Amino acid sequence: MSPKSGTPKKNLMLFSGRAHPELAQEVAQHLDVTITPQTAHTFANGELFVRFEESVRGTDAFVIQSHTAPINEWVMEQLIMVDALKRASAKRITVVMPFYPYARQDKKHKGREPISARLIADLFKTAGADRIMTVDLHTAQIQGFFDGPVDHLFAQSLLASHIKKTYGDADIAVVSPDSGRVRLAEKWAQQLGDRPIAFIHKTRDPDKPNQAVANRVVGNVQGKLCVLVDDMIDTGGTIVKATDALLEEGAADVVIATTHGILSDPATERLSNCKAREVIVTNSVPIPEEKRFPGLTVLSIAPMLAEAIQQVFEDGSVTSLFDGHA
């Protein structure tokens, strides 16, 4: 019996949750596609419903959702979208989550605690996700929680390019807000032209979330423009205390560069009143007008996401987008 030959074809379809439609629309423009129309609404008791208005059978589906507040609602909506695609016979489902939810809960600090970052990976695998695409994980080993390919993208090049363009002639030192991110600071220092690094030695009480005490600066920052790098700003307490510590140590100025501008209250008030020259974030999560302030710069990750989606669709190399270092 001879096999029957056919004409294989691939169709890329982009699907967007309701958390950050502006980012999804920008990604769609870079890909030269339209976001697949859908019906989505919330019932009176809070339950979510999603139905796609076009056939998705055999498609290469990319489901983009930014996990902002209310974070649990948007996680559930993306899970429901993945489930709907699986039941409608999508060929491959890639979950695009620019900000990985619950990433800070990646290990147990004490007994009887959850590892919620692993739970998120398990939920999406059970829902039907074949692949995850995300940006600047809190810790890189979270990739191992998902049983399938994980495309870990880096916004560092985007942020570093802005720093070089704006402050390239300054005497720069790259500063990590804690000892755990020194390796990240080293990568930044190399990309900015082999700059010196420093870090803030701090303590944190595991029983008090979003609170940290900056102790002392380790490294020479005297007279330098300090680029303070981190993966996220939530309430802003850690990064503002680090800024104060650097200026007290004799730093000429401080520029804050971070990927995820979560900006939970009172972050906007803290950052707008702090002495940093500029706060640079990306649009991995939506930043509404009421959370913006004069010193805030928001860079778009849409071109990077679109390029990575195109590479995955064409079975190309995502790693090549980051000079082989992804």
C-alpha atoms as a PDB file:
ATOM      1  CA  MET A   1       0.000   0.000   0.000  1.00  0.00           C
ATOM      2  CA  SER A   2       1.552   3.298  -1.034  1.00  0.00           C
ATOM      3  CA  PRO A   3       1.128   6.430   1.096  1.00  0.00           C
ATOM      4  CA  LYS A   4      -1.009   9.236  -0.219  1.00  0.00           C
ATOM      5  CA  SER A   5       0.870  12.455  -0.825  1.00  0.00           C
ATOM      6  CA  GLY A   6      -0.589  15.806   0.070  1.00  0.00           C
ATOM      7  CA  THR A   7       0.295  19.468   0.033  1.00  0.00           C
ATOM      8  CA  PRO A   8       1.371  20.475   3.510  1.00  0.00           C
ATOM      9  CA  LYS A   9       0.773  24.104   4.363  1.00  0.00           C
ATOM     10  CA  LYS A  10       1.372  26.191   7.444  1.00  0.00           C
ATOM     11  CA  ASN A  11      -0.813  29.011   8.681  1.00  0.00           C
ATOM     12  CA  LEU A  12       0.240  31.412  11.417  1.00  0.00           C
ATOM     13  CA  MET A  13      -2.636  32.749  13.489  1.00  0.00           C
ATOM     14  CA  LEU A  14      -2.242  35.286  16.295  1.00  0.00           C
ATOM     15  CA  PHE A  15      -4.646  35.363  19.238  1.00  0.00           C
ATOM     16  CA  SER A  16      -4.798  38.034  21.924  1.00  0.00           C
ATOM     17  CA  GLY A  17      -6.170  38.106  25.430  1.00  0.00           C
ATOM     18  CA  ARG A  18      -7.802  41.247  26.778  1.00  0.00           C
ATOM     19  CA  ALA A  19      -5.039  42.283  29.204  1.00  0.00           C
ATOM     20  CA  HIS A  20      -2.817  44.259  26.787  1.00  0.00           C
ATOM     21  CA  PRO A  21      -4.404  44.492  23.293  1.00  0.00           C
ATOM     22  CA  GLU A  22      -2.096  47.370  22.299  1.00  0.00           C
ATOM     23  CA  LEU A  23       1.003  45.158  22.494  1.00  0.00           C
ATOM     24  CA  ALA A  24      -0.714  42.335  20.577  1.00  0.00           C
ATOM     25  CA  GLN A  25      -1.807  44.776  17.872  1.00  0.00           C
ATOM     26  CA  GLU A  26       1.733  46.105  17.515  1.00  0.00           C
ATOM     27  CA  VAL A  27       3.093  42.537  17.221  1.00  0.00           C
ATOM     28  CA  ALA A  28       0.455  41.786  14.566  1.00  0.00           C
ATOM     29  CA  GLN A  29       1.544  44.826  12.542  1.00  0.00           C
ATOM     30  CA  HIS A  30       5.179  43.703  12.584  1.00  0.00           C
ATOM     31  CA  LEU A  31       4.111  40.202  11.478  1.00  0.00           C
ATOM     32  CA  ASP A  32       1.750  41.636   8.837  1.00  0.00           C
ATOM     33  CA  VAL A  33      -1.165  39.559  10.164  1.00  0.00           C
ATOM     34  CA  THR A  34      -4.458  40.402  11.820  1.00  0.00           C
ATOM     35  CA  ILE A  35      -5.435  39.247  15.286  1.00  0.00           C
ATOM     36  CA  THR A  36      -7.993  36.445  14.967  1.00  0.00           C
ATOM     37  CA  PRO A  37     -11.432  37.789  15.929  1.00  0.00           C
ATOM     38  CA  GLN A  38     -12.990  36.256  19.017  1.00  0.00           C
ATOM     39  CA  THR A  39     -15.885  36.584  21.407  1.00  0.00           C
ATOM     40  CA  ALA A  40     -14.745  37.013  24.998  1.00  0.00           C
ATOM     41  CA  HIS A  41     -16.766  38.063  27.988  1.00  0.00           C
ATOM     42  CA  THR A  42     -17.006  37.706  31.739  1.00  0.00           C
ATOM     43  CA  PHE A  43     -20.116  36.275  33.373  1.00  0.00           C
ATOM     44  CA  ALA A  44     -21.711  37.954  36.380  1.00  0.00           C
ATOM     45  CA  ASN A  45     -20.039  35.493  38.765  1.00  0.00           C
ATOM     46  CA  GLY A  46     -16.568  36.137  37.278  1.00  0.00           C
ATOM     47  CA  GLU A  47     -16.344  33.101  34.971  1.00  0.00           C
ATOM     48  CA  LEU A  48     -14.684  33.737  31.605  1.00  0.00           C
ATOM     49  CA  PHE A  49     -15.793  32.665  28.135  1.00  0.00           C
ATOM     50  CA  VAL A  50     -13.827  32.695  24.870  1.00  0.00           C
ATOM     51  CA  ARG A  51     -14.845  31.576  21.374  1.00  0.00           C
ATOM     52  CA  PHE A  52     -12.857  32.135  18.169  1.00  0.00           C
ATOM     53  CA  GLU A  53     -14.778  33.385  15.135  1.00  0.00           C
ATOM     54  CA  GLU A  54     -12.649  31.572  12.515  1.00  0.00           C
ATOM     55  CA  SER A  55     -11.538  27.995  11.961  1.00  0.00           C
ATOM     56  CA  VAL A  56      -8.207  27.211  13.642  1.00  0.00           C
ATOM     57  CA  ARG A  57      -7.861  23.595  12.476  1.00  0.00           C
ATOM     58  CA  GLY A  58      -4.265  22.725  11.636  1.00  0.00           C
ATOM     59  CA  THR A  59      -2.977  26.206  12.405  1.00  0.00           C
ATOM     60  CA  ASP A  60       0.236  27.296  14.132  1.00  0.00           C
ATOM     61  CA  ALA A  61      -1.385  29.290  16.946  1.00  0.00           C
ATOM     62  CA  PHE A  62       0.337  31.995  19.016  1.00  0.00           C
ATOM     63  CA  VAL A  63      -1.633  33.157  22.055  1.00  0.00           C
ATOM     64  CA  ILE A  64      -0.337  36.413  23.551  1.00  0.00           C
ATOM     65  CA  GLN A  65      -1.363  37.653  26.978  1.00  0.00           C
ATOM     66  CA  SER A  66       0.301  40.084  29.384  1.00  0.00           C
ATOM     67  CA  HIS A  67      -0.134  39.099  33.010  1.00  0.00           C
ATOM     68  CA  THR A  68      -0.967  42.309  34.800  1.00  0.00           C
ATOM     69  CA  ALA A  69      -3.484  43.032  37.551  1.00  0.00           C
ATOM     70  CA  PRO A  70      -5.905  41.296  38.050  1.00  0.00           C
ATOM     71  CA  ILE A  71      -3.272  38.667  37.274  1.00  0.00           C
ATOM     72  CA  ASN A  72      -5.311  35.565  38.138  1.00  0.00           C
ATOM     73  CA  GLU A  73      -8.097  36.596  35.760  1.00  0.00           C
ATOM     74  CA  TRP A  74      -5.701  37.028  32.835  1.00  0.00           C
ATOM     75  CA  VAL A  75      -3.911  33.743  33.552  1.00  0.00           C
ATOM     76  CA  MET A  76      -7.267  31.970  33.526  1.00  0.00           C
ATOM     77  CA  GLU A  77      -8.317  33.686  30.298  1.00  0.00           C
ATOM     78  CA  GLN A  78      -5.130  32.548  28.525  1.00  0.00           C
ATOM     79  CA  LEU A  79      -5.618  28.984  29.825  1.00  0.00           C
ATOM     80  CA  ILE A  80      -9.173  28.978  28.468  1.00  0.00           C
ATOM     81  CA  MET A  81      -7.953  30.283  25.091  1.00  0.00           C
ATOM     82  CA  VAL A  82      -5.376  27.471  24.906  1.00  0.00           C
ATOM     83  CA  ASP A  83      -8.017  24.906  25.819  1.00  0.00           C
ATOM     84  CA  ALA A  84     -10.354  26.238  23.130  1.00  0.00           C
ATOM     85  CA  LEU A  85      -7.578  26.004  20.511  1.00  0.00           C
ATOM     86  CA  LYS A  86      -6.676  22.463  21.516  1.00  0.00           C
ATOM     87  CA  ARG A  87     -10.316  21.339  21.251  1.00  0.00           C
ATOM     88  CA  ALA A  88     -10.606  23.071  17.863  1.00  0.00           C
ATOM     89  CA  SER A  89      -7.644  21.037  16.480  1.00  0.00           C
ATOM     90  CA  ALA A  90      -4.930  23.690  16.291  1.00  0.00           C
ATOM     91  CA  LYS A  91      -1.754  21.904  15.173  1.00  0.00           C
ATOM     92  CA  ARG A  92       0.661  23.699  17.525  1.00  0.00           C
ATOM     93  CA  ILE A  93      -0.081  26.137  20.345  1.00  0.00           C
ATOM     94  CA  THR A  94       2.570  28.586  21.540  1.00  0.00           C
ATOM     95  CA  VAL A  95       1.793  30.562  24.689  1.00  0.00           C
ATOM     96  CA  VAL A  96       3.364  34.028  24.483  1.00  0.00           C
ATOM     97  CA  MET A  97       3.622  35.525  27.970  1.00  0.00           C
ATOM     98  CA  PRO A  98       5.976  38.545  27.993  1.00  0.00           C
ATOM     99  CA  PHE A  99       5.839  38.540  31.805  1.00  0.00           C
ATOM    100  CA  TYR A 100       5.776  35.059  33.373  1.00  0.00           C
ATOM    101  CA  PRO A 101       3.229  35.072  36.231  1.00  0.00           C
ATOM    102  CA  TYR A 102       4.255  33.864  39.712  1.00  0.00           C
ATOM    103  CA  ALA A 103       7.923  33.805  38.605  1.00  0.00           C
ATOM    104  CA  ARG A 104       9.095  34.958  42.049  1.00  0.00           C
ATOM    105  CA  GLN A 105       7.682  31.784  43.596  1.00  0.00           C
ATOM    106  CA  ASP A 106      10.254  29.530  41.929  1.00  0.00           C
ATOM    107  CA  LYS A 107      11.505  27.728  45.063  1.00  0.00           C
ATOM    108  CA  LYS A 108      10.608  27.054  48.687  1.00  0.00           C
ATOM    109  CA  HIS A 109      12.135  29.430  51.238  1.00  0.00           C
ATOM    110  CA  LYS A 110      10.504  27.557  54.121  1.00  0.00           C
ATOM    111  CA  GLY A 111       8.554  24.343  54.604  1.00  0.00           C
ATOM    112  CA  ARG A 112       4.912  24.068  53.473  1.00  0.00           C
ATOM    113  CA  GLU A 113       5.300  26.708  50.755  1.00  0.00           C
ATOM    114  CA  PRO A 114       4.187  26.322  47.110  1.00  0.00           C
ATOM    115  CA  ILE A 115       6.367  26.474  44.002  1.00  0.00           C
ATOM    116  CA  SER A 116       3.785  28.420  42.040  1.00  0.00           C
ATOM    117  CA  ALA A 117       5.997  29.072  38.992  1.00  0.00           C
ATOM    118  CA  ARG A 118       6.023  25.296  38.393  1.00  0.00           C
ATOM    119  CA  LEU A 119       2.242  25.164  38.863  1.00  0.00           C
ATOM    120  CA  ILE A 120       1.780  27.770  36.104  1.00  0.00           C
ATOM    121  CA  ALA A 121       3.879  25.650  33.717  1.00  0.00           C
ATOM    122  CA  ASP A 122       1.857  22.534  34.593  1.00  0.00           C
ATOM    123  CA  LEU A 123      -1.445  24.358  34.059  1.00  0.00           C
ATOM    124  CA  PHE A 124      -0.489  25.499  30.558  1.00  0.00           C
ATOM    125  CA  LYS A 125       0.835  22.048  29.636  1.00  0.00           C
ATOM    126  CA  THR A 126      -2.413  20.445  30.802  1.00  0.00           C
ATOM    127  CA  ALA A 127      -4.464  23.052  28.915  1.00  0.00           C
ATOM    128  CA  GLY A 128      -2.705  22.038  25.688  1.00  0.00           C
ATOM    129  CA  ALA A 129       0.287  24.375  25.216  1.00  0.00           C
ATOM    130  CA  ASP A 130       3.120  22.923  23.126  1.00  0.00           C
ATOM    131  CA  ARG A 131       5.568  25.773  23.635  1.00  0.00           C
ATOM    132  CA  ILE A 132       6.109  28.840  25.838  1.00  0.00           C
ATOM    133  CA  MET A 133       7.653  32.154  24.803  1.00  0.00           C
ATOM    134  CA  THR A 134       8.545  34.633  27.542  1.00  0.00           C
ATOM    135  CA  VAL A 135      10.819  37.592  28.258  1.00  0.00           C
ATOM    136  CA  ASP A 136      13.428  37.959  31.028  1.00  0.00           C
ATOM    137  CA  LEU A 137      12.423  35.295  33.520  1.00  0.00           C
ATOM    138  CA  HIS A 138      13.028  36.075  37.194  1.00  0.00           C
ATOM    139  CA  THR A 139      15.352  33.059  37.234  1.00  0.00           C
ATOM    140  CA  ALA A 140      16.406  31.218  34.063  1.00  0.00           C
ATOM    141  CA  GLN A 141      15.836  27.745  35.545  1.00  0.00           C
ATOM    142  CA  ILE A 142      12.060  28.310  35.380  1.00  0.00           C
ATOM    143  CA  GLN A 143      12.468  27.112  31.777  1.00  0.00           C
ATOM    144  CA  GLY A 144      12.890  23.604  33.186  1.00  0.00           C
ATOM    145  CA  PHE A 145       9.432  23.661  34.791  1.00  0.00           C
ATOM    146  CA  PHE A 146       7.706  23.333  31.407  1.00  0.00           C
ATOM    147  CA  ASP A 147       7.832  19.971  29.651  1.00  0.00           C
ATOM    148  CA  GLY A 148       8.446  21.316  26.165  1.00  0.00           C
ATOM    149  CA  PRO A 149      10.355  24.062  24.318  1.00  0.00           C
ATOM    150  CA  VAL A 150      10.690  27.405  26.083  1.00  0.00           C
ATOM    151  CA  ASP A 151      11.863  30.470  24.150  1.00  0.00           C
ATOM    152  CA  HIS A 152      13.482  32.752  26.727  1.00  0.00           C
ATOM    153  CA  LEU A 153      13.860  36.175  25.118  1.00  0.00           C
ATOM    154  CA  PHE A 154      16.011  38.995  26.472  1.00  0.00           C
ATOM    155  CA  ALA A 155      15.128  42.698  26.513  1.00  0.00           C
ATOM    156  CA  GLN A 156      18.669  43.602  27.573  1.00  0.00           C
ATOM    157  CA  SER A 157      19.745  44.532  24.028  1.00  0.00           C
ATOM    158  CA  LEU A 158      16.781  46.891  23.674  1.00  0.00           C
ATOM    159  CA  LEU A 159      17.437  48.561  27.037  1.00  0.00           C
ATOM    160  CA  ALA A 160      21.224  48.661  26.565  1.00  0.00           C
ATOM    161  CA  SER A 161      20.869  50.287  23.132  1.00  0.00           C
ATOM    162  CA  HIS A 162      18.850  53.093  24.705  1.00  0.00           C
ATOM    163  CA  ILE A 163      21.487  53.518  27.438  1.00  0.00           C
ATOM    164  CA  LYS A 164      24.348  53.638  24.900  1.00  0.00           C
ATOM    165  CA  LYS A 165      22.493  56.106  22.691  1.00  0.00           C
ATOM    166  CA  THR A 166      21.586  58.407  25.583  1.00  0.00           C
ATOM    167  CA  TYR A 167      24.536  58.074  27.980  1.00  0.00           C
ATOM    168  CA  GLY A 168      27.280  56.478  25.876  1.00  0.00           C
ATOM    169  CA  ASP A 169      29.867  59.146  26.673  1.00  0.00           C
ATOM    170  CA  ALA A 170      29.359  59.003  30.464  1.00  0.00           C
ATOM    171  CA  ASP A 171      31.577  57.181  32.970  1.00  0.00           C
ATOM    172  CA  ILE A 172      29.183  54.267  33.536  1.00  0.00           C
ATOM    173  CA  ALA A 173      29.110  51.618  36.259  1.00  0.00           C
ATOM    174  CA  VAL A 174      26.541  48.818  36.104  1.00  0.00           C
ATOM    175  CA  VAL A 175      24.917  48.063  39.451  1.00  0.00           C
ATOM    176  CA  SER A 176      22.929  45.033  40.581  1.00  0.00           C
ATOM    177  CA  PRO A 177      20.296  45.762  43.278  1.00  0.00           C
ATOM    178  CA  ASP A 178      21.363  42.580  45.119  1.00  0.00           C
ATOM    179  CA  SER A 179      24.111  39.960  45.079  1.00  0.00           C
ATOM    180  CA  GLY A 180      21.858  37.461  43.245  1.00  0.00           C
ATOM    181  CA  ARG A 181      21.879  39.526  40.052  1.00  0.00           C
ATOM    182  CA  VAL A 182      25.603  40.121  39.740  1.00  0.00           C
ATOM    183  CA  ARG A 183      25.778  37.777  36.741  1.00  0.00           C
ATOM    184  CA  LEU A 184      23.119  39.879  34.987  1.00  0.00           C
ATOM    185  CA  ALA A 185      25.145  42.993  35.773  1.00  0.00           C
ATOM    186  CA  GLU A 186      28.226  41.345  34.227  1.00  0.00           C
ATOM    187  CA  LYS A 187      26.327  40.746  30.973  1.00  0.00           C
ATOM    188  CA  TRP A 188      25.177  44.361  30.978  1.00  0.00           C
ATOM    189  CA  ALA A 189      28.704  45.620  31.664  1.00  0.00           C
ATOM    190  CA  GLN A 190      30.035  43.649  28.722  1.00  0.00           C
ATOM    191  CA  GLN A 191      27.329  44.910  26.367  1.00  0.00           C
ATOM    192  CA  LEU A 192      27.923  48.520  27.417  1.00  0.00           C
ATOM    193  CA  GLY A 193      31.648  48.245  26.645  1.00  0.00           C
ATOM    194  CA  ASP A 194      33.335  46.389  29.543  1.00  0.00           C
ATOM    195  CA  ARG A 195      32.152  48.737  32.268  1.00  0.00           C
ATOM    196  CA  PRO A 196      32.878  48.168  35.988  1.00  0.00           C
ATOM    197  CA  ILE A 197      30.169  46.595  38.142  1.00  0.00           C
ATOM    198  CA  ALA A 198      28.924  46.986  41.707  1.00  0.00           C
ATOM    199  CA  PHE A 199      26.083  45.574  43.759  1.00  0.00           C
ATOM    200  CA  ILE A 200      23.958  46.466  46.753  1.00  0.00           C
ATOM    201  CA  HIS A 201      24.279  44.175  49.747  1.00  0.00           C
ATOM    202  CA  LYS A 202      20.775  43.932  51.154  1.00  0.00           C
ATOM    203  CA  THR A 203      18.652  41.826  53.460  1.00  0.00           C
ATOM    204  CA  ARG A 204      15.057  40.713  52.927  1.00  0.00           C
ATOM    205  CA  ASP A 205      12.569  39.250  55.391  1.00  0.00           C
ATOM    206  CA  PRO A 206      10.831  36.273  53.670  1.00  0.00           C
ATOM    207  CA  ASP A 207       7.789  36.873  55.897  1.00  0.00           C
ATOM    208  CA  LYS A 208       7.361  40.419  54.535  1.00  0.00           C
ATOM    209  CA  PRO A 209       6.913  40.495  50.731  1.00  0.00           C
ATOM    210  CA  ASN A 210       7.901  43.605  48.754  1.00  0.00           C
ATOM    211  CA  GLN A 211      10.140  44.856  51.562  1.00  0.00           C
ATOM    212  CA  ALA A 212      13.926  45.036  51.490  1.00  0.00           C
ATOM    213  CA  VAL A 213      16.641  46.914  53.351  1.00  0.00           C
ATOM    214  CA  ALA A 214      19.586  48.292  51.378  1.00  0.00           C
ATOM    215  CA  ASN A 215      22.716  47.959  53.477  1.00  0.00           C
ATOM    216  CA  ARG A 216      25.865  49.008  51.633  1.00  0.00           C
ATOM    217  CA  VAL A 217      27.358  49.365  48.171  1.00  0.00           C
ATOM    218  CA  VAL A 218      30.003  46.817  47.187  1.00  0.00           C
ATOM    219  CA  GLY A 219      32.197  48.273  44.409  1.00  0.00           C
ATOM    220  CA  ASN A 220      33.409  51.706  43.325  1.00  0.00           C
ATOM    221  CA  VAL A 221      30.645  54.056  42.160  1.00  0.00           C
ATOM    222  CA  GLN A 222      32.281  57.359  43.111  1.00  0.00           C
ATOM    223  CA  GLY A 223      31.555  59.990  40.447  1.00  0.00           C
ATOM    224  CA  LYS A 224      30.005  57.466  38.039  1.00  0.00           C
ATOM    225  CA  LEU A 225      26.675  57.287  36.230  1.00  0.00           C
ATOM    226  CA  CYS A 226      25.207  54.139  37.783  1.00  0.00           C
ATOM    227  CA  VAL A 227      22.962  52.000  35.595  1.00  0.00           C
ATOM    228  CA  LEU A 228      20.827  50.073  38.080  1.00  0.00           C
ATOM    229  CA  VAL A 229      19.510  46.913  36.374  1.00  0.00           C
ATOM    230  CA  ASP A 230      16.802  44.423  37.400  1.00  0.00           C
ATOM    231  CA  ASP A 231      14.157  42.197  35.833  1.00  0.00           C
ATOM    232  CA  MET A 232      11.110  43.943  37.345  1.00  0.00           C
ATOM    233  CA  ILE A 233       9.884  46.864  39.403  1.00  0.00           C
ATOM    234  CA  ASP A 234       6.847  45.968  41.496  1.00  0.00           C
ATOM    235  CA  THR A 235       6.253  48.408  44.353  1.00  0.00           C
ATOM    236  CA  GLY A 236       9.578  50.160  43.734  1.00  0.00           C
ATOM    237  CA  GLY A 237      10.863  49.896  47.310  1.00  0.00           C
ATOM    238  CA  THR A 238      14.019  47.921  46.545  1.00  0.00           C
ATOM    239  CA  ILE A 239      15.104  49.982  43.544  1.00  0.00           C
ATOM    240  CA  VAL A 240      14.481  53.358  45.255  1.00  0.00           C
ATOM    241  CA  LYS A 241      16.474  52.325  48.341  1.00  0.00           C
ATOM    242  CA  ALA A 242      19.275  51.134  46.071  1.00  0.00           C
ATOM    243  CA  THR A 243      19.231  54.507  44.266  1.00  0.00           C
ATOM    244  CA  ASP A 244      19.543  56.364  47.579  1.00  0.00           C
ATOM    245  CA  ALA A 245      22.410  54.105  48.684  1.00  0.00           C
ATOM    246  CA  LEU A 246      24.316  54.778  45.433  1.00  0.00           C
ATOM    247  CA  LEU A 247      23.915  58.533  45.658  1.00  0.00           C
ATOM    248  CA  GLU A 248      25.003  58.494  49.319  1.00  0.00           C
ATOM    249  CA  GLU A 249      28.098  56.540  48.209  1.00  0.00           C
ATOM    250  CA  GLY A 250      29.033  59.352  45.808  1.00  0.00           C
ATOM    251  CA  ALA A 251      27.493  58.279  42.490  1.00  0.00           C
ATOM    252  CA  ALA A 252      27.140  61.190  40.048  1.00  0.00           C
ATOM    253  CA  ASP A 253      23.720  60.017  38.848  1.00  0.00           C
ATOM    254  CA  VAL A 254      21.501  56.928  38.624  1.00  0.00           C
ATOM    255  CA  VAL A 255      19.570  55.511  35.676  1.00  0.00           C
ATOM    256  CA  ILE A 256      17.191  52.593  36.377  1.00  0.00           C
ATOM    257  CA  ALA A 257      16.717  49.988  33.620  1.00  0.00           C
ATOM    258  CA  THR A 258      14.299  47.096  34.056  1.00  0.00           C
ATOM    259  CA  THR A 259      12.200  44.893  31.776  1.00  0.00           C
ATOM    260  CA  HIS A 260       8.884  44.536  33.569  1.00  0.00           C
ATOM    261  CA  GLY A 261       7.312  47.739  34.894  1.00  0.00           C
ATOM    262  CA  ILE A 262       4.623  46.196  37.084  1.00  0.00           C
ATOM    263  CA  LEU A 263       4.388  49.424  39.106  1.00  0.00           C
ATOM    264  CA  SER A 264       2.025  48.303  41.855  1.00  0.00           C
ATOM    265  CA  ASP A 265       1.054  51.096  44.252  1.00  0.00           C
ATOM    266  CA  PRO A 266       2.918  53.085  45.512  1.00  0.00           C
ATOM    267  CA  ALA A 267       5.610  52.507  42.846  1.00  0.00           C
ATOM    268  CA  THR A 268       4.695  55.522  40.688  1.00  0.00           C
ATOM    269  CA  GLU A 269       4.853  57.906  43.652  1.00  0.00           C
ATOM    270  CA  ARG A 270       8.141  56.414  44.874  1.00  0.00           C
ATOM    271  CA  LEU A 271       9.838  56.485  41.470  1.00  0.00           C
ATOM    272  CA  SER A 272       8.619  59.949  40.493  1.00  0.00           C
ATOM    273  CA  ASN A 273       9.979  61.328  43.797  1.00  0.00           C
ATOM    274  CA  CYS A 274      13.268  59.413  43.775  1.00  0.00           C
ATOM    275  CA  LYS A 275      16.514  60.992  42.612  1.00  0.00           C
ATOM    276  CA  ALA A 276      17.112  58.754  39.579  1.00  0.00           C
ATOM    277  CA  ARG A 277      17.611  60.669  36.334  1.00  0.00           C
ATOM    278  CA  GLU A 278      15.531  58.221  34.250  1.00  0.00           C
ATOM    279  CA  VAL A 279      13.524  55.024  34.751  1.00  0.00           C
ATOM    280  CA  ILE A 280      13.506  52.793  31.641  1.00  0.00           C
ATOM    281  CA  VAL A 281      11.044  49.902  31.281  1.00  0.00           C
ATOM    282  CA  THR A 282       9.433  47.943  28.439  1.00  0.00           C
ATOM    283  CA  ASN A 283       5.766  47.469  27.565  1.00  0.00           C
ATOM    284  CA  SER A 284       5.773  43.772  28.543  1.00  0.00           C
ATOM    285  CA  VAL A 285       2.842  44.724  30.771  1.00  0.00           C
ATOM    286  CA  PRO A 286       0.504  47.664  30.121  1.00  0.00           C
ATOM    287  CA  ILE A 287       1.445  50.936  31.818  1.00  0.00           C
ATOM    288  CA  PRO A 288      -1.637  53.178  31.912  1.00  0.00           C
ATOM    289  CA  GLU A 289      -1.362  56.953  31.861  1.00  0.00           C
ATOM    290  CA  GLU A 290      -2.061  57.274  35.589  1.00  0.00           C
ATOM    291  CA  LYS A 291       1.077  55.223  36.329  1.00  0.00           C
ATOM    292  CA  ARG A 292       3.355  57.275  34.088  1.00  0.00           C
ATOM    293  CA  PHE A 293       5.551  60.158  35.238  1.00  0.00           C
ATOM    294  CA  PRO A 294       7.997  62.595  33.560  1.00  0.00           C
ATOM    295  CA  GLY A 295      11.146  60.520  34.152  1.00  0.00           C
ATOM    296  CA  LEU A 296       9.665  57.279  32.781  1.00  0.00           C
ATOM    297  CA  THR A 297      10.687  55.899  29.363  1.00  0.00           C
ATOM    298  CA  VAL A 298       8.741  52.934  27.936  1.00  0.00           C
ATOM    299  CA  LEU A 299      10.389  50.913  25.142  1.00  0.00           C
ATOM    300  CA  SER A 300       8.435  48.477  22.968  1.00  0.00           C
ATOM    301  CA  ILE A 301       9.278  44.751  22.866  1.00  0.00           C
ATOM    302  CA  ALA A 302       6.800  44.165  20.014  1.00  0.00           C
ATOM    303  CA  PRO A 303       9.493  43.955  17.268  1.00  0.00           C
ATOM    304  CA  MET A 304      11.428  41.380  19.306  1.00  0.00           C
ATOM    305  CA  LEU A 305       8.321  39.273  19.988  1.00  0.00           C
ATOM    306  CA  ALA A 306       7.286  39.429  16.330  1.00  0.00           C
ATOM    307  CA  GLU A 307      10.742  38.353  15.159  1.00  0.00           C
ATOM    308  CA  ALA A 308      10.799  35.436  17.608  1.00  0.00           C
ATOM    309  CA  ILE A 309       7.287  34.346  16.561  1.00  0.00           C
ATOM    310  CA  GLN A 310       8.363  34.456  12.904  1.00  0.00           C
ATOM    311  CA  GLN A 311      11.414  32.288  13.671  1.00  0.00           C
ATOM    312  CA  VAL A 312       9.322  29.713  15.542  1.00  0.00           C
ATOM    313  CA  PHE A 313       6.756  29.632  12.740  1.00  0.00           C
ATOM    314  CA  GLU A 314       9.446  29.080  10.108  1.00  0.00           C
ATOM    315  CA  ASP A 315      11.301  26.521  12.268  1.00  0.00           C
ATOM    316  CA  GLY A 316      14.233  28.929  12.417  1.00  0.00           C
ATOM    317  CA  SER A 317      16.587  29.790  15.270  1.00  0.00           C
ATOM    318  CA  VAL A 318      15.362  32.015  18.097  1.00  0.00           C
ATOM    319  CA  THR A 319      18.846  31.873  19.632  1.00  0.00           C
ATOM    320  CA  SER A 320      20.277  33.602  16.545  1.00  0.00           C
ATOM    321  CA  LEU A 321      18.278  36.731  17.446  1.00  0.00           C
ATOM    322  CA  PHE A 322      20.506  37.154  20.508  1.00  0.00           C
ATOM    323  CA  ASP A 323      23.888  36.406  18.921  1.00  0.00           C
ATOM    324  CA  GLY A 324      23.725  32.792  20.011  1.00  0.00           C
ATOM    325  CA  HIS A 325      23.370  33.646  23.721  1.00  0.00           C
ATOM    326  CA  ALA A 326      19.660  32.917  24.248  1.00  0.00           C
END
